[in-house]
Amino acid sequence: MTWNIHGGIGPDGQFSLERITATVARHDPDIVALQEVDSRRLGRGARSPFELLREAVGEHGIEAKSISTADGDYGQMLVSRCPFVTTEIHDITHADREPRRAIETEVFCGQGKLRVVATHFGLNLAERRTQAKRLVAIARRHTAPTVMLGDFNDWFWPGSLRHALKHELPGRTRHATFPSWCPVLRLDRIFCWPPEILKHSFVDRGAWRVSDHLPVIADIVVE
C-alpha cells in the first residue's frame, strides 16, 4: 500500500491521524509507504505522527525525514509487519529544490526476501528527471523480487519515471489518485519486478475525505 497522507489533513481541512490509521487498518497491508508525514503543526511537545503511525500500522518502521525544524519533522516512512533485513536511505535531492529521500530495504516476508523502495518525488519536471535516473540506478541492482512505490508526482510521459523504468520494473499500477475527490492524475504508483508478482491493485475511493490523494493497494505474491 502507498499513500500520500497530506499531513493527516483531508479536503475538509480536518486534521485526523485516526482517520488515516482507520483507513490503513481497513486494508490490513503487510507493507505500507506513507508520504507527507508531518509533525510540525503539532510542535515538539506532542507525540510524533511518525511514532503514532508506526505503532498503529505495523511492527517495523523506517523514517526518512527530509525537513526538520524547531517545530517538528516532515518526510515519509515505510512500515512493515515483516522485519527489515537491510536498510539504506538515499538522498535524491535535486539542486536547490525541496529535500527528497528514497528508502531502500529488503523485507523477509516468510516466502523469501522482497526488495522495497519507497519514495516521494518533487514537483519540478527537471527535478523528477534527475530523481528518475537515481531510481533507475537503484532498480537495476535488483537481486530479489522488487517493489518500488510512492508519490511520483509524475503525469508526463516524456522523461517520466514510468518510461525510465519500463525495462527494470515493468509491472505497475495505473490508477488515478489525485485529487482524491475527483481523481484524474496518476501520481501514486506501485512498480515491480518481475511483473507477474503484481496480482491485483485498486484505489480506495472511500478515502477521499481523509487526504488529497487516494491510497493505492496492491496484492504482491512472492513465491
N, C-alpha and C. Protein backbone atom coordinates (compact mmCIF):
# COMPACT_ATOMS: atom_id res chain seq x y z
N MET A 1 0.85 -1.19 0.00
CA MET A 1 0.00 0.00 0.00
C MET A 1 0.89 1.24 0.00
N THR A 2 0.52 2.24 -0.78
CA THR A 2 1.21 3.53 -0.75
C THR A 2 0.17 4.64 -0.66
N TRP A 3 0.51 5.67 0.13
CA TRP A 3 -0.47 6.74 0.35
C TRP A 3 0.23 8.02 0.76
N ASN A 4 -0.05 9.09 0.05
CA ASN A 4 0.34 10.43 0.47
C ASN A 4 -0.76 10.94 1.40
N ILE A 5 -0.45 11.06 2.68
CA ILE A 5 -1.50 11.37 3.67
C ILE A 5 -1.67 12.87 3.90
N HIS A 6 -0.92 13.71 3.19
CA HIS A 6 -1.12 15.17 3.25
C HIS A 6 -1.07 15.68 4.69
N GLY A 7 -0.15 15.13 5.48
CA GLY A 7 -0.01 15.57 6.85
C GLY A 7 -1.16 15.21 7.76
N GLY A 8 -2.04 14.32 7.28
CA GLY A 8 -3.21 13.95 8.08
C GLY A 8 -4.38 14.91 7.92
N ILE A 9 -4.30 15.79 6.92
CA ILE A 9 -5.35 16.79 6.70
C ILE A 9 -6.15 16.42 5.46
N GLY A 10 -7.46 16.30 5.61
CA GLY A 10 -8.33 15.97 4.50
C GLY A 10 -8.80 17.20 3.74
N PRO A 11 -9.50 17.02 2.63
CA PRO A 11 -10.05 18.14 1.87
C PRO A 11 -11.00 19.00 2.69
N ASP A 12 -11.53 18.45 3.77
CA ASP A 12 -12.41 19.22 4.64
C ASP A 12 -11.64 20.09 5.63
N GLY A 13 -10.30 20.06 5.56
CA GLY A 13 -9.47 20.86 6.45
C GLY A 13 -9.28 20.26 7.83
N GLN A 14 -9.83 19.10 8.05
CA GLN A 14 -9.74 18.46 9.37
C GLN A 14 -8.46 17.64 9.49
N PHE A 15 -7.75 17.84 10.59
CA PHE A 15 -6.56 17.04 10.88
C PHE A 15 -6.97 15.83 11.71
N SER A 16 -6.64 14.64 11.23
CA SER A 16 -7.02 13.43 11.96
C SER A 16 -6.13 12.27 11.56
N LEU A 17 -5.20 11.91 12.45
CA LEU A 17 -4.42 10.70 12.21
C LEU A 17 -5.27 9.46 12.41
N GLU A 18 -6.33 9.59 13.21
CA GLU A 18 -7.22 8.45 13.44
C GLU A 18 -7.89 8.02 12.14
N ARG A 19 -8.26 8.98 11.30
CA ARG A 19 -8.86 8.62 10.00
C ARG A 19 -7.83 7.92 9.11
N ILE A 20 -6.58 8.35 9.21
CA ILE A 20 -5.52 7.71 8.43
C ILE A 20 -5.36 6.26 8.88
N THR A 21 -5.17 6.06 10.18
CA THR A 21 -4.92 4.71 10.67
C THR A 21 -6.12 3.79 10.46
N ALA A 22 -7.33 4.33 10.56
CA ALA A 22 -8.53 3.52 10.33
C ALA A 22 -8.61 3.07 8.88
N THR A 23 -8.23 3.96 7.95
CA THR A 23 -8.24 3.60 6.53
C THR A 23 -7.21 2.53 6.24
N VAL A 24 -6.00 2.70 6.78
CA VAL A 24 -4.96 1.69 6.57
C VAL A 24 -5.39 0.35 7.17
N ALA A 25 -5.94 0.39 8.38
CA ALA A 25 -6.35 -0.85 9.05
C ALA A 25 -7.43 -1.59 8.27
N ARG A 26 -8.26 -0.85 7.56
CA ARG A 26 -9.32 -1.48 6.79
C ARG A 26 -8.76 -2.41 5.70
N HIS A 27 -7.58 -2.08 5.20
CA HIS A 27 -6.97 -2.90 4.14
C HIS A 27 -5.94 -3.88 4.69
N ASP A 28 -5.53 -3.69 5.93
CA ASP A 28 -4.67 -4.66 6.62
C ASP A 28 -3.41 -5.00 5.81
N PRO A 29 -2.65 -4.00 5.35
CA PRO A 29 -1.50 -4.29 4.50
C PRO A 29 -0.31 -4.84 5.29
N ASP A 30 0.49 -5.65 4.63
CA ASP A 30 1.74 -6.12 5.24
C ASP A 30 2.81 -5.04 5.20
N ILE A 31 2.78 -4.23 4.14
CA ILE A 31 3.75 -3.15 3.96
C ILE A 31 3.01 -1.90 3.50
N VAL A 32 3.32 -0.75 4.10
CA VAL A 32 2.69 0.49 3.66
C VAL A 32 3.73 1.61 3.65
N ALA A 33 3.75 2.36 2.54
CA ALA A 33 4.60 3.55 2.42
C ALA A 33 3.71 4.77 2.57
N LEU A 34 4.10 5.67 3.46
CA LEU A 34 3.33 6.88 3.73
C LEU A 34 4.19 8.10 3.43
N GLN A 35 3.65 9.02 2.64
CA GLN A 35 4.35 10.27 2.32
C GLN A 35 3.64 11.45 3.01
N GLU A 36 4.40 12.53 3.15
CA GLU A 36 3.93 13.77 3.79
C GLU A 36 3.46 13.51 5.22
N VAL A 37 4.28 12.78 5.94
CA VAL A 37 4.08 12.65 7.39
C VAL A 37 4.66 13.91 8.01
N ASP A 38 3.88 14.62 8.82
CA ASP A 38 4.26 15.97 9.24
C ASP A 38 3.93 16.18 10.71
N SER A 39 4.95 16.45 11.51
CA SER A 39 4.73 16.73 12.93
C SER A 39 4.86 18.21 13.25
N ARG A 40 5.12 19.06 12.26
CA ARG A 40 5.41 20.47 12.52
C ARG A 40 4.21 21.23 13.06
N ARG A 41 3.02 20.86 12.65
CA ARG A 41 1.83 21.56 13.12
C ARG A 41 1.52 21.24 14.58
N LEU A 42 2.09 20.14 15.09
CA LEU A 42 1.81 19.72 16.46
C LEU A 42 2.80 20.28 17.47
N GLY A 43 4.00 20.64 17.01
CA GLY A 43 5.01 21.14 17.93
C GLY A 43 5.80 20.01 18.56
N ARG A 44 6.93 20.37 19.14
CA ARG A 44 7.85 19.38 19.70
C ARG A 44 7.30 18.69 20.95
N GLY A 45 6.34 19.28 21.61
CA GLY A 45 5.82 18.68 22.84
C GLY A 45 4.90 17.50 22.62
N ALA A 46 4.31 17.41 21.44
CA ALA A 46 3.33 16.36 21.16
C ALA A 46 4.03 15.09 20.67
N ARG A 47 3.32 13.98 20.76
CA ARG A 47 3.86 12.73 20.22
C ARG A 47 3.94 12.83 18.70
N SER A 48 5.03 12.36 18.16
CA SER A 48 5.26 12.48 16.73
C SER A 48 4.31 11.58 15.93
N PRO A 49 3.73 12.10 14.83
CA PRO A 49 2.95 11.25 13.94
C PRO A 49 3.75 10.07 13.40
N PHE A 50 5.06 10.24 13.25
CA PHE A 50 5.89 9.12 12.82
C PHE A 50 5.76 7.97 13.81
N GLU A 51 5.84 8.29 15.08
CA GLU A 51 5.74 7.27 16.13
C GLU A 51 4.33 6.70 16.21
N LEU A 52 3.33 7.56 16.17
CA LEU A 52 1.94 7.11 16.29
C LEU A 52 1.55 6.22 15.11
N LEU A 53 1.95 6.59 13.91
CA LEU A 53 1.61 5.80 12.73
C LEU A 53 2.34 4.46 12.73
N ARG A 54 3.58 4.46 13.16
CA ARG A 54 4.33 3.20 13.22
C ARG A 54 3.67 2.23 14.20
N GLU A 55 3.25 2.71 15.34
CA GLU A 55 2.60 1.86 16.33
C GLU A 55 1.26 1.33 15.83
N ALA A 56 0.54 2.16 15.09
CA ALA A 56 -0.81 1.78 14.66
C ALA A 56 -0.81 0.89 13.43
N VAL A 57 0.23 1.01 12.60
CA VAL A 57 0.18 0.38 11.28
C VAL A 57 0.99 -0.91 11.20
N GLY A 58 2.15 -0.98 11.83
CA GLY A 58 2.99 -2.17 11.68
C GLY A 58 4.02 -2.29 12.78
N GLU A 59 4.70 -3.42 12.81
CA GLU A 59 5.67 -3.70 13.86
C GLU A 59 7.03 -3.05 13.60
N HIS A 60 7.38 -2.87 12.34
CA HIS A 60 8.70 -2.37 11.97
C HIS A 60 8.55 -1.11 11.13
N GLY A 61 9.36 -0.10 11.42
CA GLY A 61 9.23 1.16 10.70
C GLY A 61 10.56 1.79 10.36
N ILE A 62 10.61 2.46 9.21
CA ILE A 62 11.78 3.23 8.79
C ILE A 62 11.30 4.64 8.46
N GLU A 63 11.95 5.64 9.01
CA GLU A 63 11.59 7.03 8.77
C GLU A 63 12.64 7.70 7.89
N ALA A 64 12.20 8.53 6.97
CA ALA A 64 13.10 9.34 6.15
C ALA A 64 12.62 10.78 6.26
N LYS A 65 13.15 11.49 7.24
CA LYS A 65 12.74 12.87 7.49
C LYS A 65 13.56 13.80 6.61
N SER A 66 12.89 14.49 5.71
CA SER A 66 13.59 15.35 4.76
C SER A 66 13.69 16.80 5.24
N ILE A 67 12.80 17.20 6.13
CA ILE A 67 12.82 18.56 6.68
C ILE A 67 12.68 18.47 8.20
N SER A 68 13.58 19.11 8.93
CA SER A 68 13.49 19.18 10.39
C SER A 68 13.62 20.63 10.81
N THR A 69 12.68 21.09 11.62
CA THR A 69 12.68 22.46 12.12
C THR A 69 12.48 22.43 13.63
N ALA A 70 12.45 23.62 14.24
CA ALA A 70 12.21 23.70 15.67
C ALA A 70 10.82 23.19 16.03
N ASP A 71 9.89 23.23 15.07
CA ASP A 71 8.51 22.81 15.33
C ASP A 71 8.27 21.32 15.13
N GLY A 72 9.16 20.65 14.40
CA GLY A 72 8.93 19.23 14.14
C GLY A 72 9.57 18.77 12.85
N ASP A 73 9.11 17.63 12.34
CA ASP A 73 9.73 17.00 11.18
C ASP A 73 8.70 16.72 10.09
N TYR A 74 9.22 16.59 8.86
CA TYR A 74 8.39 16.30 7.70
C TYR A 74 9.13 15.29 6.83
N GLY A 75 8.39 14.31 6.31
CA GLY A 75 9.04 13.34 5.44
C GLY A 75 8.14 12.17 5.12
N GLN A 76 8.73 11.00 5.03
CA GLN A 76 7.99 9.80 4.66
C GLN A 76 8.42 8.65 5.55
N MET A 77 7.68 7.56 5.48
CA MET A 77 8.03 6.39 6.26
C MET A 77 7.55 5.13 5.57
N LEU A 78 8.21 4.04 5.91
CA LEU A 78 7.85 2.72 5.43
C LEU A 78 7.60 1.85 6.65
N VAL A 79 6.43 1.24 6.70
CA VAL A 79 6.05 0.44 7.86
C VAL A 79 5.72 -0.97 7.38
N SER A 80 6.16 -1.97 8.16
CA SER A 80 6.01 -3.36 7.74
C SER A 80 5.71 -4.26 8.93
N ARG A 81 4.94 -5.29 8.67
CA ARG A 81 4.77 -6.35 9.65
C ARG A 81 5.98 -7.27 9.69
N CYS A 82 6.68 -7.33 8.57
CA CYS A 82 7.82 -8.23 8.43
C CYS A 82 9.11 -7.47 8.76
N PRO A 83 10.10 -8.16 9.30
CA PRO A 83 11.35 -7.48 9.67
C PRO A 83 12.15 -7.02 8.46
N PHE A 84 12.84 -5.90 8.64
CA PHE A 84 13.74 -5.39 7.61
C PHE A 84 15.09 -6.09 7.74
N VAL A 85 15.61 -6.58 6.63
CA VAL A 85 16.90 -7.26 6.64
C VAL A 85 18.03 -6.25 6.46
N THR A 86 17.88 -5.35 5.49
CA THR A 86 18.84 -4.28 5.26
C THR A 86 18.07 -2.99 4.99
N THR A 87 18.71 -1.86 5.26
CA THR A 87 18.06 -0.57 5.04
C THR A 87 19.08 0.47 4.60
N GLU A 88 18.71 1.28 3.61
CA GLU A 88 19.54 2.40 3.18
C GLU A 88 18.64 3.56 2.79
N ILE A 89 18.98 4.76 3.25
CA ILE A 89 18.26 5.97 2.89
C ILE A 89 19.08 6.73 1.84
N HIS A 90 18.48 6.94 0.67
CA HIS A 90 19.17 7.64 -0.41
C HIS A 90 18.71 9.10 -0.47
N ASP A 91 19.66 10.01 -0.60
CA ASP A 91 19.35 11.42 -0.82
C ASP A 91 19.18 11.63 -2.32
N ILE A 92 17.96 11.94 -2.76
CA ILE A 92 17.70 12.15 -4.19
C ILE A 92 17.32 13.61 -4.46
N THR A 93 17.79 14.50 -3.59
CA THR A 93 17.51 15.93 -3.74
C THR A 93 18.13 16.47 -5.03
N HIS A 94 17.39 17.31 -5.72
CA HIS A 94 17.87 17.93 -6.96
C HIS A 94 18.18 19.40 -6.71
N ALA A 95 19.47 19.76 -6.90
CA ALA A 95 19.91 21.16 -6.80
C ALA A 95 19.37 21.82 -5.53
N ASP A 96 18.69 22.97 -5.69
CA ASP A 96 18.21 23.70 -4.52
C ASP A 96 16.73 23.46 -4.27
N ARG A 97 16.19 22.37 -4.80
CA ARG A 97 14.79 22.05 -4.58
C ARG A 97 14.59 21.45 -3.19
N GLU A 98 13.32 21.22 -2.84
CA GLU A 98 13.00 20.64 -1.54
C GLU A 98 13.72 19.30 -1.35
N PRO A 99 14.29 19.05 -0.17
CA PRO A 99 14.97 17.77 0.06
C PRO A 99 14.05 16.58 -0.17
N ARG A 100 14.58 15.55 -0.83
CA ARG A 100 13.81 14.34 -1.12
C ARG A 100 14.65 13.12 -0.78
N ARG A 101 13.98 12.05 -0.38
CA ARG A 101 14.66 10.83 0.03
C ARG A 101 14.01 9.61 -0.64
N ALA A 102 14.77 8.52 -0.68
CA ALA A 102 14.24 7.22 -1.08
C ALA A 102 14.68 6.20 -0.04
N ILE A 103 13.75 5.40 0.42
CA ILE A 103 14.04 4.35 1.39
C ILE A 103 14.21 3.04 0.63
N GLU A 104 15.37 2.40 0.76
CA GLU A 104 15.59 1.10 0.13
C GLU A 104 15.79 0.06 1.23
N THR A 105 15.07 -1.03 1.14
CA THR A 105 15.19 -2.07 2.16
C THR A 105 14.89 -3.43 1.57
N GLU A 106 15.31 -4.46 2.27
CA GLU A 106 14.88 -5.82 1.98
C GLU A 106 14.05 -6.30 3.16
N VAL A 107 12.92 -6.90 2.84
CA VAL A 107 11.99 -7.38 3.85
C VAL A 107 11.93 -8.90 3.75
N PHE A 108 12.02 -9.55 4.89
CA PHE A 108 11.84 -11.01 4.90
C PHE A 108 10.39 -11.28 5.19
N CYS A 109 9.68 -11.82 4.20
CA CYS A 109 8.23 -11.94 4.29
C CYS A 109 7.73 -13.38 4.35
N GLY A 110 8.54 -14.28 4.89
CA GLY A 110 8.09 -15.65 5.07
C GLY A 110 8.42 -16.53 3.89
N GLN A 111 8.00 -16.13 2.68
CA GLN A 111 8.28 -16.91 1.48
C GLN A 111 9.65 -16.58 0.89
N GLY A 112 10.30 -15.56 1.43
CA GLY A 112 11.59 -15.14 0.91
C GLY A 112 11.75 -13.64 1.06
N LYS A 113 12.79 -13.10 0.45
CA LYS A 113 13.07 -11.67 0.54
C LYS A 113 12.33 -10.90 -0.54
N LEU A 114 11.89 -9.72 -0.16
CA LEU A 114 11.28 -8.77 -1.09
C LEU A 114 12.03 -7.45 -0.95
N ARG A 115 12.54 -6.95 -2.05
CA ARG A 115 13.22 -5.66 -2.05
C ARG A 115 12.19 -4.57 -2.23
N VAL A 116 12.21 -3.56 -1.35
CA VAL A 116 11.21 -2.50 -1.37
C VAL A 116 11.92 -1.15 -1.42
N VAL A 117 11.47 -0.28 -2.32
CA VAL A 117 11.98 1.09 -2.41
C VAL A 117 10.78 2.02 -2.33
N ALA A 118 10.78 2.92 -1.35
CA ALA A 118 9.69 3.88 -1.17
C ALA A 118 10.24 5.29 -1.35
N THR A 119 9.46 6.16 -2.02
CA THR A 119 9.98 7.49 -2.29
C THR A 119 8.85 8.49 -2.50
N HIS A 120 9.25 9.76 -2.61
CA HIS A 120 8.33 10.87 -2.87
C HIS A 120 9.08 11.86 -3.76
N PHE A 121 8.68 11.95 -5.02
CA PHE A 121 9.36 12.81 -5.98
C PHE A 121 8.93 14.27 -5.84
N GLY A 122 9.72 15.14 -6.50
CA GLY A 122 9.45 16.56 -6.49
C GLY A 122 8.41 16.99 -7.52
N LEU A 123 8.10 18.28 -7.51
CA LEU A 123 7.06 18.83 -8.38
C LEU A 123 7.59 19.35 -9.71
N ASN A 124 8.89 19.62 -9.78
CA ASN A 124 9.51 20.20 -10.97
C ASN A 124 9.93 19.10 -11.95
N LEU A 125 9.69 19.30 -13.25
CA LEU A 125 9.98 18.27 -14.25
C LEU A 125 11.46 17.90 -14.28
N ALA A 126 12.34 18.89 -14.29
CA ALA A 126 13.78 18.61 -14.31
C ALA A 126 14.19 17.86 -13.05
N GLU A 127 13.59 18.24 -11.94
CA GLU A 127 13.85 17.57 -10.67
C GLU A 127 13.47 16.10 -10.75
N ARG A 128 12.29 15.83 -11.30
CA ARG A 128 11.82 14.45 -11.39
C ARG A 128 12.68 13.63 -12.35
N ARG A 129 13.17 14.24 -13.39
CA ARG A 129 14.04 13.51 -14.32
C ARG A 129 15.32 13.07 -13.62
N THR A 130 15.90 13.96 -12.84
CA THR A 130 17.10 13.61 -12.08
C THR A 130 16.79 12.49 -11.09
N GLN A 131 15.67 12.61 -10.41
CA GLN A 131 15.29 11.59 -9.44
C GLN A 131 14.98 10.26 -10.11
N ALA A 132 14.38 10.31 -11.30
CA ALA A 132 14.09 9.08 -12.04
C ALA A 132 15.39 8.35 -12.39
N LYS A 133 16.41 9.08 -12.79
CA LYS A 133 17.70 8.45 -13.11
C LYS A 133 18.29 7.77 -11.88
N ARG A 134 18.17 8.42 -10.73
CA ARG A 134 18.67 7.82 -9.49
C ARG A 134 17.92 6.54 -9.15
N LEU A 135 16.61 6.57 -9.35
CA LEU A 135 15.80 5.40 -9.02
C LEU A 135 16.04 4.26 -10.01
N VAL A 136 16.30 4.59 -11.27
CA VAL A 136 16.63 3.55 -12.25
C VAL A 136 17.92 2.84 -11.84
N ALA A 137 18.91 3.61 -11.40
CA ALA A 137 20.17 3.01 -10.95
C ALA A 137 19.94 2.08 -9.76
N ILE A 138 19.07 2.48 -8.86
CA ILE A 138 18.74 1.63 -7.72
C ILE A 138 17.99 0.39 -8.18
N ALA A 139 17.05 0.57 -9.10
CA ALA A 139 16.23 -0.56 -9.57
C ALA A 139 17.08 -1.60 -10.29
N ARG A 140 18.12 -1.17 -10.98
CA ARG A 140 18.95 -2.11 -11.75
C ARG A 140 19.71 -3.08 -10.86
N ARG A 141 19.80 -2.78 -9.59
CA ARG A 141 20.56 -3.63 -8.69
C ARG A 141 19.72 -4.78 -8.15
N HIS A 142 18.52 -4.99 -8.67
CA HIS A 142 17.65 -5.98 -8.05
C HIS A 142 18.22 -7.39 -8.17
N THR A 143 18.29 -8.06 -7.02
CA THR A 143 18.70 -9.46 -6.94
C THR A 143 17.59 -10.31 -6.34
N ALA A 144 16.49 -9.67 -6.03
CA ALA A 144 15.31 -10.34 -5.47
C ALA A 144 14.09 -9.64 -6.05
N PRO A 145 12.91 -10.24 -5.95
CA PRO A 145 11.70 -9.54 -6.37
C PRO A 145 11.66 -8.14 -5.77
N THR A 146 11.31 -7.15 -6.57
CA THR A 146 11.44 -5.75 -6.18
C THR A 146 10.13 -5.00 -6.36
N VAL A 147 9.82 -4.17 -5.37
CA VAL A 147 8.66 -3.28 -5.43
C VAL A 147 9.14 -1.86 -5.18
N MET A 148 8.73 -0.93 -6.02
CA MET A 148 9.02 0.49 -5.82
C MET A 148 7.68 1.22 -5.77
N LEU A 149 7.48 1.98 -4.71
CA LEU A 149 6.16 2.59 -4.53
C LEU A 149 6.30 3.97 -3.90
N GLY A 150 5.27 4.80 -4.13
CA GLY A 150 5.28 6.14 -3.56
C GLY A 150 4.49 7.12 -4.39
N ASP A 151 4.69 8.40 -4.06
CA ASP A 151 4.09 9.51 -4.80
C ASP A 151 5.17 10.04 -5.74
N PHE A 152 4.99 9.81 -7.04
CA PHE A 152 6.00 10.19 -8.02
C PHE A 152 5.70 11.52 -8.70
N ASN A 153 4.58 12.15 -8.35
CA ASN A 153 4.22 13.45 -8.95
C ASN A 153 4.45 13.45 -10.46
N ASP A 154 4.07 12.36 -11.10
CA ASP A 154 4.50 12.08 -12.46
C ASP A 154 3.30 11.92 -13.37
N TRP A 155 3.04 12.93 -14.21
CA TRP A 155 1.90 12.83 -15.11
C TRP A 155 2.27 13.06 -16.58
N PHE A 156 3.55 13.36 -16.86
CA PHE A 156 4.01 13.48 -18.25
C PHE A 156 4.77 12.22 -18.64
N TRP A 157 4.56 11.73 -19.87
CA TRP A 157 5.30 10.56 -20.32
C TRP A 157 6.76 10.87 -20.67
N PRO A 158 7.08 11.93 -21.44
CA PRO A 158 8.49 12.18 -21.78
C PRO A 158 9.32 12.44 -20.52
N GLY A 159 10.39 11.67 -20.34
CA GLY A 159 11.26 11.85 -19.20
C GLY A 159 10.68 11.35 -17.90
N SER A 160 9.57 10.66 -17.97
CA SER A 160 8.89 10.24 -16.75
C SER A 160 9.54 9.00 -16.15
N LEU A 161 9.22 8.75 -14.90
CA LEU A 161 9.76 7.58 -14.23
C LEU A 161 9.24 6.30 -14.85
N ARG A 162 7.95 6.26 -15.15
CA ARG A 162 7.41 5.01 -15.70
C ARG A 162 8.03 4.68 -17.05
N HIS A 163 8.39 5.71 -17.82
CA HIS A 163 9.11 5.48 -19.08
C HIS A 163 10.52 4.96 -18.78
N ALA A 164 11.18 5.57 -17.80
CA ALA A 164 12.54 5.18 -17.46
C ALA A 164 12.61 3.77 -16.88
N LEU A 165 11.55 3.36 -16.19
CA LEU A 165 11.55 2.07 -15.51
C LEU A 165 10.90 0.95 -16.31
N LYS A 166 10.55 1.20 -17.56
CA LYS A 166 9.75 0.22 -18.29
C LYS A 166 10.47 -1.11 -18.48
N HIS A 167 11.80 -1.11 -18.41
CA HIS A 167 12.55 -2.35 -18.52
C HIS A 167 12.92 -2.91 -17.15
N GLU A 168 13.35 -2.04 -16.23
CA GLU A 168 13.80 -2.51 -14.92
C GLU A 168 12.64 -2.99 -14.04
N LEU A 169 11.53 -2.26 -14.04
CA LEU A 169 10.37 -2.61 -13.22
C LEU A 169 9.12 -2.54 -14.09
N PRO A 170 8.90 -3.52 -14.95
CA PRO A 170 7.82 -3.42 -15.95
C PRO A 170 6.41 -3.53 -15.39
N GLY A 171 6.24 -4.15 -14.24
CA GLY A 171 4.91 -4.22 -13.66
C GLY A 171 4.56 -2.92 -12.96
N ARG A 172 3.33 -2.42 -13.14
CA ARG A 172 2.98 -1.17 -12.47
C ARG A 172 1.46 -1.02 -12.37
N THR A 173 1.05 -0.23 -11.40
CA THR A 173 -0.35 0.13 -11.25
C THR A 173 -0.65 1.33 -12.14
N ARG A 174 -1.94 1.56 -12.41
CA ARG A 174 -2.32 2.62 -13.35
C ARG A 174 -3.57 3.36 -12.87
N HIS A 175 -3.65 3.66 -11.61
CA HIS A 175 -4.87 4.25 -11.06
C HIS A 175 -4.72 5.76 -10.87
N ALA A 176 -5.75 6.51 -11.20
CA ALA A 176 -5.80 7.94 -10.90
C ALA A 176 -6.00 8.12 -9.40
N THR A 177 -5.19 9.00 -8.80
CA THR A 177 -5.22 9.15 -7.34
C THR A 177 -5.38 10.59 -6.86
N PHE A 178 -5.26 11.55 -7.76
CA PHE A 178 -5.26 12.95 -7.33
C PHE A 178 -6.05 13.81 -8.31
N PRO A 179 -6.83 14.79 -7.77
CA PRO A 179 -7.18 14.98 -6.36
C PRO A 179 -8.17 13.91 -5.90
N SER A 180 -8.17 13.62 -4.65
CA SER A 180 -8.92 12.46 -4.13
C SER A 180 -10.41 12.55 -4.41
N TRP A 181 -10.97 13.77 -4.41
CA TRP A 181 -12.42 13.92 -4.58
C TRP A 181 -12.85 13.80 -6.05
N CYS A 182 -11.88 13.95 -6.97
CA CYS A 182 -12.17 13.79 -8.41
C CYS A 182 -10.88 13.38 -9.11
N PRO A 183 -10.41 12.17 -8.88
CA PRO A 183 -9.06 11.79 -9.31
C PRO A 183 -8.91 11.72 -10.83
N VAL A 184 -7.92 12.44 -11.33
CA VAL A 184 -7.61 12.44 -12.77
C VAL A 184 -6.13 12.17 -13.04
N LEU A 185 -5.25 12.39 -12.07
CA LEU A 185 -3.81 12.23 -12.26
C LEU A 185 -3.31 10.97 -11.56
N ARG A 186 -2.44 10.25 -12.24
CA ARG A 186 -1.87 9.01 -11.69
C ARG A 186 -0.54 9.31 -11.02
N LEU A 187 -0.60 9.98 -9.89
CA LEU A 187 0.62 10.42 -9.22
C LEU A 187 1.24 9.33 -8.36
N ASP A 188 0.41 8.47 -7.82
CA ASP A 188 0.86 7.47 -6.85
C ASP A 188 0.85 6.10 -7.53
N ARG A 189 1.98 5.40 -7.46
CA ARG A 189 2.10 4.14 -8.20
C ARG A 189 2.88 3.09 -7.41
N ILE A 190 2.69 1.87 -7.86
CA ILE A 190 3.48 0.74 -7.37
C ILE A 190 4.07 0.05 -8.60
N PHE A 191 5.41 0.01 -8.66
CA PHE A 191 6.13 -0.68 -9.73
C PHE A 191 6.70 -1.98 -9.19
N CYS A 192 6.95 -2.96 -10.06
CA CYS A 192 7.52 -4.20 -9.56
C CYS A 192 8.27 -4.98 -10.63
N TRP A 193 9.14 -5.85 -10.15
CA TRP A 193 9.84 -6.84 -10.97
C TRP A 193 9.98 -8.11 -10.17
N PRO A 194 9.70 -9.26 -10.77
CA PRO A 194 9.13 -9.45 -12.10
C PRO A 194 7.67 -9.01 -12.13
N PRO A 195 7.14 -8.69 -13.29
CA PRO A 195 5.78 -8.12 -13.34
C PRO A 195 4.70 -9.06 -12.84
N GLU A 196 4.94 -10.36 -12.92
CA GLU A 196 3.89 -11.31 -12.54
C GLU A 196 3.65 -11.39 -11.03
N ILE A 197 4.50 -10.76 -10.21
CA ILE A 197 4.22 -10.77 -8.77
C ILE A 197 3.07 -9.82 -8.41
N LEU A 198 2.75 -8.89 -9.32
CA LEU A 198 1.62 -7.99 -9.10
C LEU A 198 0.34 -8.68 -9.57
N LYS A 199 -0.47 -9.11 -8.62
CA LYS A 199 -1.67 -9.90 -8.94
C LYS A 199 -2.92 -9.04 -9.10
N HIS A 200 -3.01 -7.96 -8.34
CA HIS A 200 -4.24 -7.16 -8.34
C HIS A 200 -3.94 -5.83 -7.68
N SER A 201 -4.61 -4.76 -8.11
CA SER A 201 -4.44 -3.46 -7.46
C SER A 201 -5.71 -2.64 -7.59
N PHE A 202 -5.87 -1.69 -6.68
CA PHE A 202 -7.04 -0.83 -6.68
C PHE A 202 -6.77 0.39 -5.82
N VAL A 203 -7.65 1.39 -5.91
CA VAL A 203 -7.60 2.54 -5.02
C VAL A 203 -8.82 2.50 -4.11
N ASP A 204 -8.68 3.10 -2.95
CA ASP A 204 -9.79 3.20 -2.01
C ASP A 204 -10.50 4.53 -2.25
N ARG A 205 -11.57 4.50 -3.03
CA ARG A 205 -12.30 5.73 -3.34
C ARG A 205 -12.98 6.30 -2.11
N GLY A 206 -13.24 5.46 -1.11
CA GLY A 206 -13.88 5.94 0.11
C GLY A 206 -12.98 6.78 0.98
N ALA A 207 -11.68 6.84 0.65
CA ALA A 207 -10.73 7.61 1.46
C ALA A 207 -10.59 9.06 1.00
N TRP A 208 -11.47 9.51 0.12
CA TRP A 208 -11.31 10.86 -0.45
C TRP A 208 -11.45 11.96 0.60
N ARG A 209 -12.12 11.69 1.70
CA ARG A 209 -12.28 12.70 2.75
C ARG A 209 -11.06 12.80 3.67
N VAL A 210 -10.15 11.85 3.56
CA VAL A 210 -9.07 11.72 4.54
C VAL A 210 -7.79 12.43 4.11
N SER A 211 -7.52 12.48 2.81
CA SER A 211 -6.32 13.13 2.27
C SER A 211 -6.65 13.65 0.88
N ASP A 212 -5.74 14.45 0.31
CA ASP A 212 -5.97 14.91 -1.06
C ASP A 212 -5.51 13.89 -2.10
N HIS A 213 -4.90 12.79 -1.65
CA HIS A 213 -4.55 11.66 -2.51
C HIS A 213 -5.35 10.44 -2.08
N LEU A 214 -5.62 9.55 -3.03
CA LEU A 214 -6.20 8.25 -2.70
C LEU A 214 -5.08 7.23 -2.50
N PRO A 215 -5.26 6.30 -1.58
CA PRO A 215 -4.26 5.25 -1.40
C PRO A 215 -4.35 4.20 -2.50
N VAL A 216 -3.19 3.67 -2.88
CA VAL A 216 -3.13 2.57 -3.85
C VAL A 216 -2.77 1.30 -3.08
N ILE A 217 -3.55 0.26 -3.31
CA ILE A 217 -3.34 -1.02 -2.63
C ILE A 217 -3.10 -2.09 -3.68
N ALA A 218 -2.11 -2.94 -3.46
CA ALA A 218 -1.79 -3.99 -4.43
C ALA A 218 -1.54 -5.31 -3.71
N ASP A 219 -1.91 -6.38 -4.37
CA ASP A 219 -1.57 -7.73 -3.91
C ASP A 219 -0.30 -8.16 -4.62
N ILE A 220 0.77 -8.32 -3.84
CA ILE A 220 2.06 -8.78 -4.35
C ILE A 220 2.31 -10.17 -3.78
N VAL A 221 2.55 -11.12 -4.65
CA VAL A 221 2.76 -12.50 -4.22
C VAL A 221 4.19 -12.92 -4.56
N VAL A 222 4.97 -13.24 -3.52
CA VAL A 222 6.35 -13.70 -3.69
C VAL A 222 6.39 -15.18 -3.33
N GLU A 223 6.81 -16.00 -4.27
CA GLU A 223 6.83 -17.46 -4.04
C GLU A 223 8.25 -17.97 -3.84
